[in-house]
Amino acid sequence: MLIGGDFNNRAKQLLSLLSEKSDHTPDTKVAVEDLVEELELDRTELKNLLEYLEGRELVQIASIGGPFLYGHIKITQKGILKAGKLK
């Protein structure tokens, strides 16, 4: 998978939105479907973004299942700090 400018921008958008929806709390599960609707992501793009962010330890997959493969995700403390730097 190639990581380019568009992909990086979408990853930043996803991380920022996840941080907001979780109230900047690592224990809060956020429904993936809510993120998809706001960011208008397709299933493949979402899967690639989440795997990329999980590999960088910025998010944690909290549940699997549903129309987007992953049901819920959590932002990690490292992800919260990174999202804070994006603003």
PDB file of N, CA and C in Angstrom:
ATOM      1  N   MET A   1       0.845  -1.175   0.000  1.00  0.00           N
ATOM      2  CA  MET A   1       0.000   0.000   0.000  1.00  0.00           C
ATOM      3  C   MET A   1       0.890   1.238   0.000  1.00  0.00           C
ATOM      4  N   LEU A   2       0.605   2.137  -0.899  1.00  0.00           N
ATOM      5  CA  LEU A   2       1.354   3.383  -0.977  1.00  0.00           C
ATOM      6  C   LEU A   2       0.725   4.423  -0.065  1.00  0.00           C
ATOM      7  N   ILE A   3       1.557   5.135   0.627  1.00  0.00           N
ATOM      8  CA  ILE A   3       1.094   6.192   1.505  1.00  0.00           C
ATOM      9  C   ILE A   3       1.406   7.510   0.824  1.00  0.00           C
ATOM     10  N   GLY A   4       0.378   8.213   0.402  1.00  0.00           N
ATOM     11  CA  GLY A   4       0.564   9.485  -0.276  1.00  0.00           C
ATOM     12  C   GLY A   4      -0.100  10.607   0.488  1.00  0.00           C
ATOM     13  N   GLY A   5      -0.093  11.774  -0.104  1.00  0.00           N
ATOM     14  CA  GLY A   5      -0.654  12.954   0.531  1.00  0.00           C
ATOM     15  C   GLY A   5      -2.134  12.832   0.841  1.00  0.00           C
ATOM     16  N   ASP A   6      -2.901  12.310  -0.129  1.00  0.00           N
ATOM     17  CA  ASP A   6      -4.342  12.158   0.095  1.00  0.00           C
ATOM     18  C   ASP A   6      -4.617  11.174   1.227  1.00  0.00           C
ATOM     19  N   PHE A   7      -3.894  10.052   1.228  1.00  0.00           N
ATOM     20  CA  PHE A   7      -4.074   9.045   2.268  1.00  0.00           C
ATOM     21  C   PHE A   7      -3.731   9.633   3.634  1.00  0.00           C
ATOM     22  N   ASN A   8      -2.620  10.348   3.699  1.00  0.00           N
ATOM     23  CA  ASN A   8      -2.203  10.971   4.956  1.00  0.00           C
ATOM     24  C   ASN A   8      -3.237  11.976   5.446  1.00  0.00           C
ATOM     25  N   ASN A   9      -3.786  12.764   4.536  1.00  0.00           N
ATOM     26  CA  ASN A   9      -4.806  13.740   4.927  1.00  0.00           C
ATOM     27  C   ASN A   9      -6.052  13.055   5.462  1.00  0.00           C
ATOM     28  N   ARG A  10      -6.464  11.947   4.825  1.00  0.00           N
ATOM     29  CA  ARG A  10      -7.640  11.212   5.301  1.00  0.00           C
ATOM     30  C   ARG A  10      -7.358  10.596   6.672  1.00  0.00           C
ATOM     31  N   ALA A  11      -6.139  10.101   6.875  1.00  0.00           N
ATOM     32  CA  ALA A  11      -5.777   9.529   8.173  1.00  0.00           C
ATOM     33  C   ALA A  11      -5.840  10.602   9.262  1.00  0.00           C
ATOM     34  N   LYS A  12      -5.373  11.785   8.958  1.00  0.00           N
ATOM     35  CA  LYS A  12      -5.424  12.894   9.918  1.00  0.00           C
ATOM     36  C   LYS A  12      -6.860  13.284  10.216  1.00  0.00           C
ATOM     37  N   GLN A  13      -7.707  13.334   9.187  1.00  0.00           N
ATOM     38  CA  GLN A  13      -9.116  13.661   9.385  1.00  0.00           C
ATOM     39  C   GLN A  13      -9.782  12.617  10.274  1.00  0.00           C
ATOM     40  N   LEU A  14      -9.515  11.358   9.997  1.00  0.00           N
ATOM     41  CA  LEU A  14     -10.090  10.270  10.780  1.00  0.00           C
ATOM     42  C   LEU A  14      -9.644  10.344  12.231  1.00  0.00           C
ATOM     43  N   LEU A  15      -8.367  10.572  12.461  1.00  0.00           N
ATOM     44  CA  LEU A  15      -7.836  10.654  13.815  1.00  0.00           C
ATOM     45  C   LEU A  15      -8.431  11.841  14.568  1.00  0.00           C
ATOM     46  N   SER A  16      -8.544  12.978  13.923  1.00  0.00           N
ATOM     47  CA  SER A  16      -9.125  14.164  14.568  1.00  0.00           C
ATOM     48  C   SER A  16     -10.584  13.939  14.920  1.00  0.00           C
ATOM     49  N   LEU A  17     -11.344  13.363  13.993  1.00  0.00           N
ATOM     50  CA  LEU A  17     -12.758  13.104  14.247  1.00  0.00           C
ATOM     51  C   LEU A  17     -12.930  12.079  15.361  1.00  0.00           C
ATOM     52  N   LEU A  18     -12.114  11.050  15.360  1.00  0.00           N
ATOM     53  CA  LEU A  18     -12.172  10.038  16.412  1.00  0.00           C
ATOM     54  C   LEU A  18     -11.860  10.660  17.768  1.00  0.00           C
ATOM     55  N   SER A  19     -10.894  11.546  17.813  1.00  0.00           N
ATOM     56  CA  SER A  19     -10.547  12.225  19.056  1.00  0.00           C
ATOM     57  C   SER A  19     -11.733  13.036  19.580  1.00  0.00           C
ATOM     58  N   GLU A  20     -12.394  13.758  18.685  1.00  0.00           N
ATOM     59  CA  GLU A  20     -13.561  14.553  19.080  1.00  0.00           C
ATOM     60  C   GLU A  20     -14.702  13.664  19.565  1.00  0.00           C
ATOM     61  N   LYS A  21     -15.028  12.630  18.810  1.00  0.00           N
ATOM     62  CA  LYS A  21     -16.159  11.756  19.138  1.00  0.00           C
ATOM     63  C   LYS A  21     -15.930  10.975  20.431  1.00  0.00           C
ATOM     64  N   SER A  22     -14.680  10.749  20.781  1.00  0.00           N
ATOM     65  CA  SER A  22     -14.378  10.012  22.009  1.00  0.00           C
ATOM     66  C   SER A  22     -14.187  10.950  23.198  1.00  0.00           C
ATOM     67  N   ASP A  23     -14.408  12.242  22.989  1.00  0.00           N
ATOM     68  CA  ASP A  23     -14.178  13.254  24.030  1.00  0.00           C
ATOM     69  C   ASP A  23     -12.752  13.175  24.570  1.00  0.00           C
ATOM     70  N   HIS A  24     -11.817  12.821  23.681  1.00  0.00           N
ATOM     71  CA  HIS A  24     -10.389  12.755  24.009  1.00  0.00           C
ATOM     72  C   HIS A  24     -10.113  11.757  25.145  1.00  0.00           C
ATOM     73  N   THR A  25     -10.894  10.663  25.151  1.00  0.00           N
ATOM     74  CA  THR A  25     -10.783   9.633  26.184  1.00  0.00           C
ATOM     75  C   THR A  25     -10.475   8.284  25.556  1.00  0.00           C
ATOM     76  N   PRO A  26      -9.368   7.654  25.929  1.00  0.00           N
ATOM     77  CA  PRO A  26      -8.980   6.388  25.306  1.00  0.00           C
ATOM     78  C   PRO A  26      -9.926   5.220  25.590  1.00  0.00           C
ATOM     79  N   ASP A  27     -10.722   5.284  26.629  1.00  0.00           N
ATOM     80  CA  ASP A  27     -11.602   4.171  26.974  1.00  0.00           C
ATOM     81  C   ASP A  27     -12.937   4.202  26.238  1.00  0.00           C
ATOM     82  N   THR A  28     -13.211   5.255  25.494  1.00  0.00           N
ATOM     83  CA  THR A  28     -14.496   5.410  24.816  1.00  0.00           C
ATOM     84  C   THR A  28     -14.491   4.720  23.459  1.00  0.00           C
ATOM     85  N   LYS A  29     -15.471   3.822  23.280  1.00  0.00           N
ATOM     86  CA  LYS A  29     -15.635   3.155  21.987  1.00  0.00           C
ATOM     87  C   LYS A  29     -16.441   4.066  21.068  1.00  0.00           C
ATOM     88  N   VAL A  30     -15.985   4.186  19.830  1.00  0.00           N
ATOM     89  CA  VAL A  30     -16.676   4.990  18.829  1.00  0.00           C
ATOM     90  C   VAL A  30     -17.099   4.062  17.688  1.00  0.00           C
ATOM     91  N   ALA A  31     -18.351   4.166  17.281  1.00  0.00           N
ATOM     92  CA  ALA A  31     -18.859   3.332  16.195  1.00  0.00           C
ATOM     93  C   ALA A  31     -18.201   3.739  14.880  1.00  0.00           C
ATOM     94  N   VAL A  32     -17.649   2.768  14.192  1.00  0.00           N
ATOM     95  CA  VAL A  32     -16.992   3.013  12.912  1.00  0.00           C
ATOM     96  C   VAL A  32     -17.988   3.587  11.905  1.00  0.00           C
ATOM     97  N   GLU A  33     -19.215   3.129  11.961  1.00  0.00           N
ATOM     98  CA  GLU A  33     -20.237   3.599  11.021  1.00  0.00           C
ATOM     99  C   GLU A  33     -20.432   5.112  11.114  1.00  0.00           C
ATOM    100  N   ASP A  34     -20.346   5.677  12.325  1.00  0.00           N
ATOM    101  CA  ASP A  34     -20.464   7.129  12.491  1.00  0.00           C
ATOM    102  C   ASP A  34     -19.321   7.865  11.785  1.00  0.00           C
ATOM    103  N   LEU A  35     -18.129   7.322  11.871  1.00  0.00           N
ATOM    104  CA  LEU A  35     -16.970   7.935  11.236  1.00  0.00           C
ATOM    105  C   LEU A  35     -17.080   7.867   9.719  1.00  0.00           C
ATOM    106  N   VAL A  36     -17.544   6.728   9.231  1.00  0.00           N
ATOM    107  CA  VAL A  36     -17.683   6.528   7.789  1.00  0.00           C
ATOM    108  C   VAL A  36     -18.663   7.540   7.197  1.00  0.00           C
ATOM    109  N   GLU A  37     -19.779   7.739   7.880  1.00  0.00           N
ATOM    110  CA  GLU A  37     -20.791   8.673   7.382  1.00  0.00           C
ATOM    111  C   GLU A  37     -20.252  10.094   7.301  1.00  0.00           C
ATOM    112  N   GLU A  38     -19.557  10.529   8.322  1.00  0.00           N
ATOM    113  CA  GLU A  38     -19.048  11.901   8.333  1.00  0.00           C
ATOM    114  C   GLU A  38     -17.923  12.126   7.335  1.00  0.00           C
ATOM    115  N   LEU A  39     -17.059  11.140   7.178  1.00  0.00           N
ATOM    116  CA  LEU A  39     -15.899  11.297   6.295  1.00  0.00           C
ATOM    117  C   LEU A  39     -16.141  10.768   4.882  1.00  0.00           C
ATOM    118  N   GLU A  40     -17.284  10.126   4.672  1.00  0.00           N
ATOM    119  CA  GLU A  40     -17.633   9.565   3.364  1.00  0.00           C
ATOM    120  C   GLU A  40     -16.543   8.632   2.837  1.00  0.00           C
ATOM    121  N   LEU A  41     -16.198   7.651   3.645  1.00  0.00           N
ATOM    122  CA  LEU A  41     -15.181   6.664   3.279  1.00  0.00           C
ATOM    123  C   LEU A  41     -15.832   5.412   2.729  1.00  0.00           C
ATOM    124  N   ASP A  42     -15.140   4.716   1.818  1.00  0.00           N
ATOM    125  CA  ASP A  42     -15.635   3.409   1.407  1.00  0.00           C
ATOM    126  C   ASP A  42     -14.943   2.344   2.267  1.00  0.00           C
ATOM    127  N   ARG A  43     -15.445   1.132   2.168  1.00  0.00           N
ATOM    128  CA  ARG A  43     -14.982   0.053   3.044  1.00  0.00           C
ATOM    129  C   ARG A  43     -13.476  -0.205   2.924  1.00  0.00           C
ATOM    130  N   THR A  44     -12.958  -0.234   1.705  1.00  0.00           N
ATOM    131  CA  THR A  44     -11.534  -0.517   1.492  1.00  0.00           C
ATOM    132  C   THR A  44     -10.655   0.600   2.046  1.00  0.00           C
ATOM    133  N   GLU A  45     -11.041   1.834   1.777  1.00  0.00           N
ATOM    134  CA  GLU A  45     -10.258   2.965   2.275  1.00  0.00           C
ATOM    135  C   GLU A  45     -10.254   2.984   3.798  1.00  0.00           C
ATOM    136  N   LEU A  46     -11.409   2.735   4.385  1.00  0.00           N
ATOM    137  CA  LEU A  46     -11.513   2.707   5.841  1.00  0.00           C
ATOM    138  C   LEU A  46     -10.622   1.618   6.433  1.00  0.00           C
ATOM    139  N   LYS A  47     -10.686   0.420   5.859  1.00  0.00           N
ATOM    140  CA  LYS A  47      -9.873  -0.690   6.352  1.00  0.00           C
ATOM    141  C   LYS A  47      -8.393  -0.325   6.304  1.00  0.00           C
ATOM    142  N   ASN A  48      -7.949   0.241   5.185  1.00  0.00           N
ATOM    143  CA  ASN A  48      -6.541   0.629   5.049  1.00  0.00           C
ATOM    144  C   ASN A  48      -6.149   1.707   6.048  1.00  0.00           C
ATOM    145  N   LEU A  49      -7.011   2.692   6.239  1.00  0.00           N
ATOM    146  CA  LEU A  49      -6.716   3.765   7.195  1.00  0.00           C
ATOM    147  C   LEU A  49      -6.627   3.231   8.624  1.00  0.00           C
ATOM    148  N   LEU A  50      -7.583   2.391   9.008  1.00  0.00           N
ATOM    149  CA  LEU A  50      -7.576   1.861  10.376  1.00  0.00           C
ATOM    150  C   LEU A  50      -6.380   0.957  10.622  1.00  0.00           C
ATOM    151  N   GLU A  51      -6.022   0.139   9.650  1.00  0.00           N
ATOM    152  CA  GLU A  51      -4.846  -0.717   9.822  1.00  0.00           C
ATOM    153  C   GLU A  51      -3.569   0.114   9.919  1.00  0.00           C
ATOM    154  N   TYR A  52      -3.491   1.167   9.142  1.00  0.00           N
ATOM    155  CA  TYR A  52      -2.339   2.065   9.197  1.00  0.00           C
ATOM    156  C   TYR A  52      -2.249   2.738  10.574  1.00  0.00           C
ATOM    157  N   LEU A  53      -3.373   3.288  11.041  1.00  0.00           N
ATOM    158  CA  LEU A  53      -3.379   3.980  12.333  1.00  0.00           C
ATOM    159  C   LEU A  53      -3.155   3.013  13.491  1.00  0.00           C
ATOM    160  N   GLU A  54      -3.688   1.803  13.365  1.00  0.00           N
ATOM    161  CA  GLU A  54      -3.460   0.802  14.416  1.00  0.00           C
ATOM    162  C   GLU A  54      -1.993   0.388  14.454  1.00  0.00           C
ATOM    163  N   GLY A  55      -1.383   0.251  13.292  1.00  0.00           N
ATOM    164  CA  GLY A  55       0.033  -0.093  13.224  1.00  0.00           C
ATOM    165  C   GLY A  55       0.924   0.968  13.847  1.00  0.00           C
ATOM    166  N   ARG A  56       0.482   2.202  13.812  1.00  0.00           N
ATOM    167  CA  ARG A  56       1.239   3.299  14.429  1.00  0.00           C
ATOM    168  C   ARG A  56       0.840   3.505  15.891  1.00  0.00           C
ATOM    169  N   GLU A  57      -0.032   2.614  16.411  1.00  0.00           N
ATOM    170  CA  GLU A  57      -0.512   2.626  17.796  1.00  0.00           C
ATOM    171  C   GLU A  57      -1.280   3.895  18.138  1.00  0.00           C
ATOM    172  N   LEU A  58      -2.010   4.426  17.148  1.00  0.00           N
ATOM    173  CA  LEU A  58      -2.815   5.630  17.367  1.00  0.00           C
ATOM    174  C   LEU A  58      -4.274   5.287  17.640  1.00  0.00           C
ATOM    175  N   VAL A  59      -4.717   4.116  17.177  1.00  0.00           N
ATOM    176  CA  VAL A  59      -6.064   3.628  17.445  1.00  0.00           C
ATOM    177  C   VAL A  59      -5.984   2.164  17.836  1.00  0.00           C
ATOM    178  N   GLN A  60      -7.075   1.698  18.439  1.00  0.00           N
ATOM    179  CA  GLN A  60      -7.180   0.296  18.827  1.00  0.00           C
ATOM    180  C   GLN A  60      -8.539  -0.208  18.349  1.00  0.00           C
ATOM    181  N   ILE A  61      -8.555  -1.348  17.685  1.00  0.00           N
ATOM    182  CA  ILE A  61      -9.802  -1.947  17.252  1.00  0.00           C
ATOM    183  C   ILE A  61     -10.496  -2.507  18.497  1.00  0.00           C
ATOM    184  N   ALA A  62     -11.736  -2.068  18.740  1.00  0.00           N
ATOM    185  CA  ALA A  62     -12.452  -2.484  19.943  1.00  0.00           C
ATOM    186  C   ALA A  62     -13.447  -3.599  19.670  1.00  0.00           C
ATOM    187  N   SER A  63     -14.009  -3.654  18.463  1.00  0.00           N
ATOM    188  CA  SER A  63     -14.911  -4.749  18.109  1.00  0.00           C
ATOM    189  C   SER A  63     -14.879  -4.953  16.600  1.00  0.00           C
ATOM    190  N   ILE A  64     -15.123  -6.200  16.222  1.00  0.00           N
ATOM    191  CA  ILE A  64     -15.117  -6.562  14.812  1.00  0.00           C
ATOM    192  C   ILE A  64     -16.537  -6.969  14.436  1.00  0.00           C
ATOM    193  N   GLY A  65     -16.935  -6.595  13.232  1.00  0.00           N
ATOM    194  CA  GLY A  65     -18.254  -6.965  12.740  1.00  0.00           C
ATOM    195  C   GLY A  65     -18.976  -5.753  12.191  1.00  0.00           C
ATOM    196  N   GLY A  66     -20.071  -6.008  11.532  1.00  0.00           N
ATOM    197  CA  GLY A  66     -20.840  -4.924  10.952  1.00  0.00           C
ATOM    198  C   GLY A  66     -20.460  -4.698   9.500  1.00  0.00           C
ATOM    199  N   PRO A  67     -21.106  -3.746   8.870  1.00  0.00           N
ATOM    200  CA  PRO A  67     -20.908  -3.529   7.436  1.00  0.00           C
ATOM    201  C   PRO A  67     -19.519  -3.025   7.050  1.00  0.00           C
ATOM    202  N   PHE A  68     -18.745  -2.544   8.002  1.00  0.00           N
ATOM    203  CA  PHE A  68     -17.436  -1.978   7.681  1.00  0.00           C
ATOM    204  C   PHE A  68     -16.290  -2.787   8.276  1.00  0.00           C
ATOM    205  N   LEU A  69     -16.525  -4.069   8.530  1.00  0.00           N
ATOM    206  CA  LEU A  69     -15.549  -5.008   9.064  1.00  0.00           C
ATOM    207  C   LEU A  69     -15.265  -4.746  10.538  1.00  0.00           C
ATOM    208  N   TYR A  70     -15.013  -3.501  10.878  1.00  0.00           N
ATOM    209  CA  TYR A  70     -14.785  -3.147  12.275  1.00  0.00           C
ATOM    210  C   TYR A  70     -16.027  -2.451  12.810  1.00  0.00           C
ATOM    211  N   GLY A  71     -16.438  -2.812  14.018  1.00  0.00           N
ATOM    212  CA  GLY A  71     -17.634  -2.213  14.601  1.00  0.00           C
ATOM    213  C   GLY A  71     -17.331  -0.956  15.393  1.00  0.00           C
ATOM    214  N   HIS A  72     -16.329  -1.039  16.261  1.00  0.00           N
ATOM    215  CA  HIS A  72     -15.958   0.086  17.117  1.00  0.00           C
ATOM    216  C   HIS A  72     -14.443   0.188  17.198  1.00  0.00           C
ATOM    217  N   ILE A  73     -13.966   1.406  17.388  1.00  0.00           N
ATOM    218  CA  ILE A  73     -12.541   1.635  17.616  1.00  0.00           C
ATOM    219  C   ILE A  73     -12.378   2.587  18.791  1.00  0.00           C
ATOM    220  N   LYS A  74     -11.197   2.576  19.353  1.00  0.00           N
ATOM    221  CA  LYS A  74     -10.842   3.497  20.430  1.00  0.00           C
ATOM    222  C   LYS A  74      -9.585   4.247  20.007  1.00  0.00           C
ATOM    223  N   ILE A  75      -9.466   5.456  20.437  1.00  0.00           N
ATOM    224  CA  ILE A  75      -8.236   6.205  20.217  1.00  0.00           C
ATOM    225  C   ILE A  75      -7.304   5.918  21.387  1.00  0.00           C
ATOM    226  N   THR A  76      -6.038   5.794  21.123  1.00  0.00           N
ATOM    227  CA  THR A  76      -5.072   5.566  22.198  1.00  0.00           C
ATOM    228  C   THR A  76      -4.599   6.915  22.755  1.00  0.00           C
ATOM    229  N   GLN A  77      -3.908   6.873  23.859  1.00  0.00           N
ATOM    230  CA  GLN A  77      -3.355   8.108  24.428  1.00  0.00           C
ATOM    231  C   GLN A  77      -2.391   8.754  23.430  1.00  0.00           C
ATOM    232  N   LYS A  78      -1.620   7.933  22.752  1.00  0.00           N
ATOM    233  CA  LYS A  78      -0.695   8.432  21.722  1.00  0.00           C
ATOM    234  C   LYS A  78      -1.488   9.082  20.594  1.00  0.00           C
ATOM    235  N   GLY A  79      -2.627   8.498  20.243  1.00  0.00           N
ATOM    236  CA  GLY A  79      -3.487   9.070  19.206  1.00  0.00           C
ATOM    237  C   GLY A  79      -4.080  10.404  19.615  1.00  0.00           C
ATOM    238  N   ILE A  80      -4.453  10.527  20.870  1.00  0.00           N
ATOM    239  CA  ILE A  80      -4.993  11.794  21.394  1.00  0.00           C
ATOM    240  C   ILE A  80      -3.937  12.891  21.301  1.00  0.00           C
ATOM    241  N   LEU A  81      -2.717  12.556  21.683  1.00  0.00           N
ATOM    242  CA  LEU A  81      -1.631  13.536  21.601  1.00  0.00           C
ATOM    243  C   LEU A  81      -1.358  13.939  20.156  1.00  0.00           C
ATOM    244  N   LYS A  82      -1.363  12.972  19.257  1.00  0.00           N
ATOM    245  CA  LYS A  82      -1.131  13.248  17.835  1.00  0.00           C
ATOM    246  C   LYS A  82      -2.253  14.111  17.274  1.00  0.00           C
ATOM    247  N   ALA A  83      -3.493  13.796  17.606  1.00  0.00           N
ATOM    248  CA  ALA A  83      -4.642  14.572  17.130  1.00  0.00           C
ATOM    249  C   ALA A  83      -4.570  16.005  17.634  1.00  0.00           C
ATOM    250  N   GLY A  84      -4.090  16.200  18.851  1.00  0.00           N
ATOM    251  CA  GLY A  84      -3.947  17.541  19.415  1.00  0.00           C
ATOM    252  C   GLY A  84      -2.931  18.369  18.652  1.00  0.00           C
ATOM    253  N   LYS A  85      -1.917  17.728  18.091  1.00  0.00           N
ATOM    254  CA  LYS A  85      -0.895  18.428  17.318  1.00  0.00           C
ATOM    255  C   LYS A  85      -1.359  18.783  15.924  1.00  0.00           C
ATOM    256  N   LEU A  86      -2.439  18.143  15.460  1.00  0.00           N
ATOM    257  CA  LEU A  86      -2.935  18.372  14.100  1.00  0.00           C
ATOM    258  C   LEU A  86      -3.718  19.675  13.977  1.00  0.00           C
ATOM    259  N   LYS A  87      -4.151  20.220  15.096  1.00  0.00           N
ATOM    260  CA  LYS A  87      -4.999  21.428  15.056  1.00  0.00           C
ATOM    261  C   LYS A  87      -4.188  22.683  14.908  1.00  0.00           C
TER     262      LYS A  87
END
